[in-house]
């Protein structure tokens, strides 16, 4: 049986607080519409620019949870902290929960800069064996203004 910190190696411990390079996210109208459709939003404000303007928005507003699509090129490293790999003994992962805090409305045409850091790492023993719970926090900014934060836990096992 494992002990309390078998999976929390010095390398894992050193990752706590580490800020990863920023990633630019583009927020565009097609992405807004696809996200809204995928999660079941049927409010026309997410689909029709005229409705959005009538409701006081300069452009289509992004629905809750949509913060754009990362800009990347072939060969670029994966953005942010790895989902797997902090401890090579753990090869599988799953989502342990995601929370968004929206501070400002995000609109089509925005370019957001996202910076992520690992804020907590815990080990738990479950029915499938030892698991590493990695909590990451991402701050999304439009210029210097924070528009949202994301707190997500990834479970490696």
Foldseek 3Di string as FASTA:
>chain_A
DDDFCPQCDPLNVVQAPDKFDKWKFAAALVVQVVVCVVVPNPPCLSPDQVVVVVVPHPARWRPPPDDGDTDDDPPDDDGDDDLDDSGVVFDDKDWPDKDKDFDAIDHHGFMKIKMKGWNDWGWDQDPVGIKIKIWMKIFIDRVPHTGMMMITIMITD
